Amino acid sequence: MHKDIIKINNADIIKPIGEICVVYFSSTSNNTHKFIQKLGFTNFRIPTEIDQTISVNQDYVLFSPTYSGGGEFTSGAVPKQVINFLNKKENRESCRGVIASGNTNFGDTFAIAGPILSKKLNVPLLYQFELLGTTKDVEQIQKILINFWNQEPEKKRIN
């Protein structure tokens, strides 16, 4: 287990409310953007311009790619745009979980942005996937998010 991964007690997890929502950063390569579009949930994209940001006033799960050199080099793993977004208090407070992407070629630092953000925000790391992700990753994340929000079909009241 990577040193930046922390176990969060289920009692400490704040379950999200409202509709399923994801906030994500995608560089101009659009890898993360393409993945998010496959999920089919409400989403907000963090701008690629470092001097711009957005405000999100609802519970969400944050998706972040990982930028770093691998091995011991974790500096810069979280994109500056994500840091800028999280510098706004209301954005930090609405985050309920983290999902990260990365490249398995980087070994121990694969998708390390996830554990770093999870630890910093004290929210659960829900999933990590490689690069563009697979169809199985899309299905897994859809299930994880639906379960995380505890969205179940309405039960009819019997009088």
N, C-alpha and C. Protein backbone atom coordinates (compact mmCIF):
# COMPACT_ATOMS: atom_id res chain seq x y z
N MET A 1 0.85 -1.18 0.00
CA MET A 1 0.00 0.00 0.00
C MET A 1 0.89 1.24 0.00
N HIS A 2 0.56 2.19 -0.83
CA HIS A 2 1.33 3.41 -0.92
C HIS A 2 1.18 4.21 0.36
N LYS A 3 2.23 4.92 0.75
CA LYS A 3 2.22 5.67 2.01
C LYS A 3 1.15 6.77 2.04
N ASP A 4 0.69 7.24 0.87
CA ASP A 4 -0.31 8.30 0.85
C ASP A 4 -1.74 7.79 0.92
N ILE A 5 -1.92 6.47 0.91
CA ILE A 5 -3.28 5.93 1.02
C ILE A 5 -3.63 5.84 2.50
N ILE A 6 -4.78 6.40 2.84
CA ILE A 6 -5.26 6.31 4.21
C ILE A 6 -6.58 5.55 4.21
N LYS A 7 -6.78 4.81 5.26
CA LYS A 7 -8.06 4.12 5.43
C LYS A 7 -9.00 5.08 6.13
N ILE A 8 -10.19 5.21 5.59
CA ILE A 8 -11.18 6.08 6.19
C ILE A 8 -12.26 5.22 6.80
N ASN A 9 -12.54 5.45 8.04
CA ASN A 9 -13.58 4.73 8.75
C ASN A 9 -14.93 5.05 8.09
N ASN A 10 -15.73 4.04 7.84
CA ASN A 10 -17.04 4.25 7.21
C ASN A 10 -17.88 5.27 7.95
N ALA A 11 -17.71 5.35 9.25
CA ALA A 11 -18.48 6.31 10.04
C ALA A 11 -18.07 7.74 9.72
N ASP A 12 -16.85 7.92 9.20
CA ASP A 12 -16.35 9.26 8.88
C ASP A 12 -16.73 9.72 7.48
N ILE A 13 -17.23 8.81 6.66
CA ILE A 13 -17.58 9.16 5.28
C ILE A 13 -18.90 9.91 5.26
N ILE A 14 -18.88 11.06 4.61
CA ILE A 14 -20.11 11.82 4.43
C ILE A 14 -20.72 11.37 3.10
N LYS A 15 -21.83 10.70 3.17
CA LYS A 15 -22.49 10.21 1.96
C LYS A 15 -23.02 11.40 1.16
N PRO A 16 -22.84 11.35 -0.15
CA PRO A 16 -23.34 12.44 -0.99
C PRO A 16 -24.86 12.43 -1.07
N ILE A 17 -25.40 13.61 -1.30
CA ILE A 17 -26.85 13.75 -1.49
C ILE A 17 -27.10 14.40 -2.85
N GLY A 18 -28.32 14.35 -3.31
CA GLY A 18 -28.67 14.93 -4.60
C GLY A 18 -28.36 13.95 -5.72
N GLU A 19 -28.29 14.48 -6.93
CA GLU A 19 -28.02 13.62 -8.07
C GLU A 19 -26.53 13.30 -8.14
N ILE A 20 -26.21 12.18 -8.79
CA ILE A 20 -24.82 11.79 -8.96
C ILE A 20 -24.13 12.84 -9.82
N CYS A 21 -22.99 13.31 -9.32
CA CYS A 21 -22.27 14.38 -9.99
C CYS A 21 -20.78 14.11 -9.92
N VAL A 22 -20.09 14.35 -11.03
CA VAL A 22 -18.64 14.23 -11.04
C VAL A 22 -18.04 15.54 -11.54
N VAL A 23 -16.90 15.88 -10.95
CA VAL A 23 -16.11 17.02 -11.37
C VAL A 23 -14.78 16.44 -11.82
N TYR A 24 -14.27 16.92 -12.94
CA TYR A 24 -13.06 16.32 -13.47
C TYR A 24 -12.16 17.34 -14.14
N PHE A 25 -10.88 16.98 -14.19
CA PHE A 25 -9.93 17.75 -14.98
C PHE A 25 -9.45 16.86 -16.11
N SER A 26 -9.38 17.44 -17.30
CA SER A 26 -8.84 16.74 -18.45
C SER A 26 -7.98 17.74 -19.21
N SER A 27 -6.77 17.32 -19.53
CA SER A 27 -5.89 18.18 -20.31
C SER A 27 -6.40 18.24 -21.74
N THR A 28 -5.65 18.90 -22.60
CA THR A 28 -6.06 19.02 -24.00
C THR A 28 -6.06 17.68 -24.72
N SER A 29 -5.46 16.65 -24.13
CA SER A 29 -5.53 15.30 -24.73
C SER A 29 -6.95 14.76 -24.68
N ASN A 30 -7.74 15.26 -23.74
CA ASN A 30 -9.14 14.87 -23.54
C ASN A 30 -9.35 13.42 -23.12
N ASN A 31 -8.32 12.75 -22.63
CA ASN A 31 -8.49 11.36 -22.19
C ASN A 31 -9.54 11.24 -21.10
N THR A 32 -9.42 12.05 -20.05
CA THR A 32 -10.37 11.98 -18.95
C THR A 32 -11.75 12.43 -19.42
N HIS A 33 -11.81 13.44 -20.26
CA HIS A 33 -13.08 13.94 -20.78
C HIS A 33 -13.83 12.82 -21.51
N LYS A 34 -13.14 12.10 -22.37
CA LYS A 34 -13.76 11.00 -23.12
C LYS A 34 -14.30 9.93 -22.17
N PHE A 35 -13.54 9.66 -21.11
CA PHE A 35 -13.96 8.66 -20.14
C PHE A 35 -15.22 9.13 -19.40
N ILE A 36 -15.22 10.36 -18.95
CA ILE A 36 -16.36 10.91 -18.19
C ILE A 36 -17.64 10.87 -19.02
N GLN A 37 -17.54 11.17 -20.31
CA GLN A 37 -18.72 11.16 -21.18
C GLN A 37 -19.37 9.79 -21.25
N LYS A 38 -18.58 8.74 -21.10
CA LYS A 38 -19.12 7.37 -21.14
C LYS A 38 -19.91 7.03 -19.87
N LEU A 39 -19.64 7.73 -18.78
CA LEU A 39 -20.33 7.43 -17.51
C LEU A 39 -21.80 7.83 -17.54
N GLY A 40 -22.12 8.94 -18.18
CA GLY A 40 -23.51 9.37 -18.31
C GLY A 40 -24.07 10.10 -17.10
N PHE A 41 -23.21 10.61 -16.21
CA PHE A 41 -23.69 11.35 -15.04
C PHE A 41 -23.48 12.85 -15.24
N THR A 42 -24.20 13.65 -14.45
CA THR A 42 -23.97 15.09 -14.44
C THR A 42 -22.50 15.33 -14.17
N ASN A 43 -21.90 16.26 -14.95
CA ASN A 43 -20.48 16.49 -14.76
C ASN A 43 -20.11 17.94 -15.02
N PHE A 44 -19.02 18.34 -14.38
CA PHE A 44 -18.46 19.67 -14.55
C PHE A 44 -16.96 19.52 -14.81
N ARG A 45 -16.48 20.23 -15.82
CA ARG A 45 -15.07 20.14 -16.18
C ARG A 45 -14.30 21.34 -15.61
N ILE A 46 -13.20 21.05 -14.93
CA ILE A 46 -12.32 22.10 -14.44
C ILE A 46 -11.58 22.68 -15.65
N PRO A 47 -11.58 24.00 -15.81
CA PRO A 47 -10.92 24.60 -16.98
C PRO A 47 -9.43 24.26 -17.06
N THR A 48 -8.93 24.17 -18.29
CA THR A 48 -7.51 23.89 -18.50
C THR A 48 -6.64 25.12 -18.23
N GLU A 49 -7.23 26.31 -18.34
CA GLU A 49 -6.48 27.54 -18.06
C GLU A 49 -6.28 27.67 -16.56
N ILE A 50 -5.05 27.81 -16.14
CA ILE A 50 -4.71 27.83 -14.71
C ILE A 50 -5.35 29.00 -13.97
N ASP A 51 -5.62 30.10 -14.65
CA ASP A 51 -6.17 31.27 -13.98
C ASP A 51 -7.70 31.27 -13.95
N GLN A 52 -8.31 30.20 -14.42
CA GLN A 52 -9.77 30.10 -14.40
C GLN A 52 -10.19 28.93 -13.52
N THR A 53 -11.36 29.06 -12.92
CA THR A 53 -11.90 27.95 -12.13
C THR A 53 -13.42 27.99 -12.19
N ILE A 54 -14.03 27.01 -11.59
CA ILE A 54 -15.48 26.94 -11.51
C ILE A 54 -15.86 26.76 -10.05
N SER A 55 -17.12 26.96 -9.75
CA SER A 55 -17.65 26.69 -8.42
C SER A 55 -18.70 25.59 -8.55
N VAL A 56 -18.63 24.63 -7.66
CA VAL A 56 -19.59 23.54 -7.65
C VAL A 56 -20.28 23.53 -6.29
N ASN A 57 -21.58 23.73 -6.32
CA ASN A 57 -22.36 23.85 -5.08
C ASN A 57 -23.23 22.63 -4.82
N GLN A 58 -22.73 21.45 -5.18
CA GLN A 58 -23.44 20.21 -4.90
C GLN A 58 -22.40 19.13 -4.63
N ASP A 59 -22.82 18.07 -3.98
CA ASP A 59 -21.90 16.97 -3.69
C ASP A 59 -21.41 16.35 -4.99
N TYR A 60 -20.13 15.98 -5.01
CA TYR A 60 -19.55 15.39 -6.21
C TYR A 60 -18.39 14.47 -5.85
N VAL A 61 -17.99 13.67 -6.83
CA VAL A 61 -16.76 12.88 -6.76
C VAL A 61 -15.79 13.50 -7.75
N LEU A 62 -14.56 13.70 -7.31
CA LEU A 62 -13.53 14.34 -8.12
C LEU A 62 -12.73 13.30 -8.90
N PHE A 63 -12.59 13.51 -10.21
CA PHE A 63 -11.75 12.68 -11.07
C PHE A 63 -10.52 13.49 -11.43
N SER A 64 -9.35 12.90 -11.22
CA SER A 64 -8.11 13.60 -11.56
C SER A 64 -7.13 12.66 -12.24
N PRO A 65 -6.51 13.13 -13.33
CA PRO A 65 -5.39 12.37 -13.88
C PRO A 65 -4.18 12.59 -12.98
N THR A 66 -3.16 11.77 -13.17
CA THR A 66 -1.92 11.91 -12.39
C THR A 66 -0.81 12.40 -13.30
N TYR A 67 -0.12 13.43 -12.84
CA TYR A 67 1.06 13.94 -13.54
C TYR A 67 2.24 13.75 -12.60
N SER A 68 3.20 12.96 -12.96
CA SER A 68 4.44 12.86 -12.18
C SER A 68 5.40 11.95 -12.92
N GLY A 69 6.63 11.94 -12.44
CA GLY A 69 7.67 11.19 -13.12
C GLY A 69 7.79 9.75 -12.72
N GLY A 70 7.04 9.32 -11.73
CA GLY A 70 7.13 7.94 -11.27
C GLY A 70 8.21 7.77 -10.23
N GLY A 71 8.26 6.58 -9.64
CA GLY A 71 9.26 6.29 -8.60
C GLY A 71 9.10 7.20 -7.41
N GLU A 72 10.18 7.85 -7.03
CA GLU A 72 10.18 8.76 -5.88
C GLU A 72 9.60 10.13 -6.24
N PHE A 73 9.38 10.39 -7.52
CA PHE A 73 8.99 11.71 -7.98
C PHE A 73 7.48 11.89 -8.01
N THR A 74 6.92 12.33 -6.89
CA THR A 74 5.47 12.54 -6.82
C THR A 74 5.11 14.02 -6.87
N SER A 75 6.11 14.87 -6.84
CA SER A 75 5.87 16.31 -6.91
C SER A 75 5.17 16.63 -8.23
N GLY A 76 4.10 17.39 -8.16
CA GLY A 76 3.36 17.76 -9.35
C GLY A 76 2.37 16.70 -9.82
N ALA A 77 2.14 15.68 -8.99
CA ALA A 77 1.23 14.59 -9.38
C ALA A 77 -0.21 15.08 -9.57
N VAL A 78 -0.64 16.02 -8.74
CA VAL A 78 -1.99 16.58 -8.86
C VAL A 78 -1.89 17.80 -9.78
N PRO A 79 -2.65 17.82 -10.86
CA PRO A 79 -2.59 18.97 -11.78
C PRO A 79 -2.87 20.29 -11.06
N LYS A 80 -2.14 21.32 -11.46
CA LYS A 80 -2.30 22.65 -10.85
C LYS A 80 -3.74 23.16 -10.94
N GLN A 81 -4.42 22.82 -12.02
CA GLN A 81 -5.81 23.27 -12.19
C GLN A 81 -6.72 22.64 -11.13
N VAL A 82 -6.44 21.40 -10.75
CA VAL A 82 -7.22 20.74 -9.69
C VAL A 82 -6.94 21.42 -8.35
N ILE A 83 -5.68 21.71 -8.10
CA ILE A 83 -5.32 22.42 -6.86
C ILE A 83 -6.02 23.77 -6.81
N ASN A 84 -6.00 24.51 -7.92
CA ASN A 84 -6.66 25.81 -8.00
C ASN A 84 -8.15 25.68 -7.71
N PHE A 85 -8.79 24.67 -8.29
CA PHE A 85 -10.22 24.41 -8.06
C PHE A 85 -10.47 24.14 -6.57
N LEU A 86 -9.62 23.34 -5.95
CA LEU A 86 -9.81 22.98 -4.54
C LEU A 86 -9.41 24.08 -3.57
N ASN A 87 -8.76 25.12 -4.07
CA ASN A 87 -8.43 26.26 -3.20
C ASN A 87 -9.68 27.03 -2.79
N LYS A 88 -10.79 26.83 -3.51
CA LYS A 88 -12.06 27.44 -3.12
C LYS A 88 -12.71 26.55 -2.06
N LYS A 89 -12.96 27.12 -0.92
CA LYS A 89 -13.50 26.38 0.22
C LYS A 89 -14.76 25.59 -0.13
N GLU A 90 -15.71 26.21 -0.83
CA GLU A 90 -16.97 25.51 -1.15
C GLU A 90 -16.72 24.31 -2.06
N ASN A 91 -15.72 24.39 -2.91
CA ASN A 91 -15.40 23.24 -3.77
C ASN A 91 -14.83 22.09 -2.94
N ARG A 92 -13.93 22.41 -2.03
CA ARG A 92 -13.36 21.37 -1.14
C ARG A 92 -14.45 20.71 -0.32
N GLU A 93 -15.34 21.52 0.24
CA GLU A 93 -16.35 21.01 1.16
C GLU A 93 -17.41 20.14 0.47
N SER A 94 -17.58 20.27 -0.83
CA SER A 94 -18.58 19.48 -1.56
C SER A 94 -18.03 18.17 -2.09
N CYS A 95 -16.72 17.98 -2.01
CA CYS A 95 -16.11 16.75 -2.51
C CYS A 95 -16.38 15.61 -1.54
N ARG A 96 -16.89 14.48 -2.07
CA ARG A 96 -17.22 13.33 -1.23
C ARG A 96 -16.34 12.11 -1.49
N GLY A 97 -15.57 12.14 -2.59
CA GLY A 97 -14.70 11.02 -2.91
C GLY A 97 -13.81 11.37 -4.09
N VAL A 98 -12.84 10.50 -4.35
CA VAL A 98 -11.86 10.74 -5.41
C VAL A 98 -11.69 9.49 -6.26
N ILE A 99 -11.54 9.70 -7.56
CA ILE A 99 -11.17 8.65 -8.51
C ILE A 99 -10.03 9.22 -9.34
N ALA A 100 -8.99 8.41 -9.56
CA ALA A 100 -7.83 8.91 -10.28
C ALA A 100 -7.43 7.99 -11.42
N SER A 101 -6.82 8.60 -12.42
CA SER A 101 -6.25 7.82 -13.52
C SER A 101 -4.74 7.99 -13.52
N GLY A 102 -4.09 7.07 -14.19
CA GLY A 102 -2.64 7.13 -14.26
C GLY A 102 -2.11 6.10 -15.24
N ASN A 103 -0.82 5.88 -15.19
CA ASN A 103 -0.15 4.96 -16.09
C ASN A 103 0.56 3.91 -15.24
N THR A 104 0.24 2.64 -15.45
CA THR A 104 0.84 1.58 -14.63
C THR A 104 2.35 1.47 -14.85
N ASN A 105 2.88 2.07 -15.92
CA ASN A 105 4.33 2.07 -16.13
C ASN A 105 5.06 2.79 -15.01
N PHE A 106 4.35 3.61 -14.24
CA PHE A 106 4.98 4.37 -13.16
C PHE A 106 4.97 3.63 -11.83
N GLY A 107 4.63 2.34 -11.86
CA GLY A 107 4.75 1.49 -10.67
C GLY A 107 4.01 2.00 -9.46
N ASP A 108 4.74 2.22 -8.36
CA ASP A 108 4.13 2.65 -7.09
C ASP A 108 3.42 3.98 -7.17
N THR A 109 3.74 4.78 -8.16
CA THR A 109 3.07 6.07 -8.27
C THR A 109 1.92 6.05 -9.27
N PHE A 110 1.49 4.83 -9.67
CA PHE A 110 0.33 4.71 -10.55
C PHE A 110 -0.85 5.44 -9.93
N ALA A 111 -1.42 6.39 -10.65
CA ALA A 111 -2.62 7.14 -10.24
C ALA A 111 -2.48 7.73 -8.84
N ILE A 112 -1.27 8.15 -8.49
CA ILE A 112 -0.98 8.66 -7.14
C ILE A 112 -1.74 9.94 -6.79
N ALA A 113 -2.25 10.65 -7.79
CA ALA A 113 -3.06 11.83 -7.50
C ALA A 113 -4.25 11.44 -6.62
N GLY A 114 -4.79 10.23 -6.82
CA GLY A 114 -5.93 9.77 -6.02
C GLY A 114 -5.63 9.69 -4.54
N PRO A 115 -4.61 8.93 -4.14
CA PRO A 115 -4.28 8.86 -2.71
C PRO A 115 -3.89 10.21 -2.12
N ILE A 116 -3.19 11.03 -2.89
CA ILE A 116 -2.80 12.35 -2.39
C ILE A 116 -4.03 13.20 -2.11
N LEU A 117 -4.96 13.24 -3.06
CA LEU A 117 -6.19 14.03 -2.88
C LEU A 117 -7.07 13.45 -1.78
N SER A 118 -7.17 12.13 -1.73
CA SER A 118 -7.97 11.48 -0.70
C SER A 118 -7.48 11.86 0.70
N LYS A 119 -6.18 11.81 0.87
CA LYS A 119 -5.59 12.14 2.17
C LYS A 119 -5.80 13.62 2.50
N LYS A 120 -5.56 14.49 1.52
CA LYS A 120 -5.68 15.93 1.74
C LYS A 120 -7.12 16.33 2.07
N LEU A 121 -8.08 15.73 1.38
CA LEU A 121 -9.50 16.09 1.55
C LEU A 121 -10.22 15.25 2.60
N ASN A 122 -9.55 14.18 3.05
CA ASN A 122 -10.14 13.24 4.01
C ASN A 122 -11.45 12.64 3.48
N VAL A 123 -11.36 12.19 2.22
CA VAL A 123 -12.48 11.52 1.57
C VAL A 123 -11.97 10.20 1.02
N PRO A 124 -12.86 9.25 0.76
CA PRO A 124 -12.39 7.95 0.27
C PRO A 124 -11.87 7.99 -1.16
N LEU A 125 -10.84 7.18 -1.41
CA LEU A 125 -10.36 6.91 -2.75
C LEU A 125 -11.23 5.77 -3.26
N LEU A 126 -12.05 6.04 -4.25
CA LEU A 126 -13.05 5.07 -4.69
C LEU A 126 -12.56 4.13 -5.79
N TYR A 127 -11.60 4.60 -6.61
CA TYR A 127 -11.18 3.76 -7.75
C TYR A 127 -9.98 4.41 -8.43
N GLN A 128 -9.18 3.57 -9.08
CA GLN A 128 -8.08 4.04 -9.92
C GLN A 128 -8.14 3.27 -11.24
N PHE A 129 -7.89 3.97 -12.35
CA PHE A 129 -7.90 3.30 -13.64
C PHE A 129 -6.75 3.81 -14.50
N GLU A 130 -6.42 3.01 -15.52
CA GLU A 130 -5.28 3.36 -16.36
C GLU A 130 -5.72 4.14 -17.60
N LEU A 131 -5.00 5.22 -17.84
CA LEU A 131 -5.11 6.04 -19.04
C LEU A 131 -6.54 6.32 -19.47
N LEU A 132 -6.98 5.76 -20.60
CA LEU A 132 -8.33 6.00 -21.11
C LEU A 132 -9.38 5.16 -20.43
N GLY A 133 -8.97 4.19 -19.63
CA GLY A 133 -9.92 3.29 -19.00
C GLY A 133 -10.47 2.29 -20.00
N THR A 134 -11.14 1.29 -19.49
CA THR A 134 -11.74 0.24 -20.32
C THR A 134 -13.25 0.26 -20.13
N THR A 135 -13.93 -0.53 -20.92
CA THR A 135 -15.38 -0.67 -20.75
C THR A 135 -15.68 -1.20 -19.35
N LYS A 136 -14.84 -2.12 -18.86
CA LYS A 136 -15.03 -2.65 -17.51
C LYS A 136 -14.85 -1.56 -16.47
N ASP A 137 -13.89 -0.65 -16.66
CA ASP A 137 -13.71 0.47 -15.73
C ASP A 137 -14.96 1.35 -15.70
N VAL A 138 -15.52 1.63 -16.87
CA VAL A 138 -16.74 2.44 -16.94
C VAL A 138 -17.85 1.77 -16.14
N GLU A 139 -18.06 0.48 -16.36
CA GLU A 139 -19.11 -0.26 -15.65
C GLU A 139 -18.87 -0.28 -14.15
N GLN A 140 -17.62 -0.52 -13.76
CA GLN A 140 -17.28 -0.56 -12.32
C GLN A 140 -17.55 0.79 -11.66
N ILE A 141 -17.11 1.87 -12.31
CA ILE A 141 -17.29 3.20 -11.72
C ILE A 141 -18.76 3.58 -11.66
N GLN A 142 -19.53 3.22 -12.69
CA GLN A 142 -20.98 3.49 -12.64
C GLN A 142 -21.59 2.81 -11.42
N LYS A 143 -21.24 1.54 -11.19
CA LYS A 143 -21.76 0.80 -10.03
C LYS A 143 -21.30 1.44 -8.72
N ILE A 144 -20.03 1.80 -8.67
CA ILE A 144 -19.48 2.40 -7.45
C ILE A 144 -20.20 3.69 -7.12
N LEU A 145 -20.40 4.56 -8.12
CA LEU A 145 -21.05 5.84 -7.86
C LEU A 145 -22.51 5.67 -7.47
N ILE A 146 -23.22 4.79 -8.14
CA ILE A 146 -24.63 4.54 -7.79
C ILE A 146 -24.71 4.02 -6.36
N ASN A 147 -23.85 3.09 -6.02
CA ASN A 147 -23.83 2.53 -4.67
C ASN A 147 -23.42 3.60 -3.65
N PHE A 148 -22.44 4.41 -3.99
CA PHE A 148 -21.95 5.46 -3.08
C PHE A 148 -23.05 6.46 -2.77
N TRP A 149 -23.87 6.78 -3.74
CA TRP A 149 -24.99 7.71 -3.53
C TRP A 149 -26.18 7.00 -2.91
N ASN A 150 -26.10 5.66 -2.83
CA ASN A 150 -27.20 4.86 -2.28
C ASN A 150 -28.50 5.13 -3.01
N GLN A 151 -28.43 5.25 -4.30
CA GLN A 151 -29.64 5.49 -5.07
C GLN A 151 -30.30 4.16 -5.36
N GLU A 152 -31.45 4.00 -4.81
CA GLU A 152 -32.24 2.80 -5.04
C GLU A 152 -33.58 3.24 -5.62
N PRO A 153 -34.20 2.38 -6.39
CA PRO A 153 -35.54 2.74 -6.90
C PRO A 153 -36.47 3.03 -5.74
N GLU A 154 -37.34 4.01 -5.94
CA GLU A 154 -38.30 4.34 -4.89
C GLU A 154 -39.16 3.13 -4.56
N LYS A 155 -39.36 2.91 -3.28
CA LYS A 155 -40.21 1.82 -2.84
C LYS A 155 -41.61 2.37 -2.65
N LYS A 156 -42.58 1.63 -3.16
CA LYS A 156 -43.96 2.08 -3.03
C LYS A 156 -44.42 1.85 -1.60
N ARG A 157 -45.08 2.83 -1.08
CA ARG A 157 -45.62 2.74 0.28
C ARG A 157 -46.89 1.93 0.25
N ILE A 158 -46.96 0.96 1.13
CA ILE A 158 -48.18 0.14 1.24
C ILE A 158 -48.95 0.61 2.47
N ASN A 159 -50.20 1.00 2.24
CA ASN A 159 -51.03 1.48 3.38
C ASN A 159 -51.78 0.35 4.01
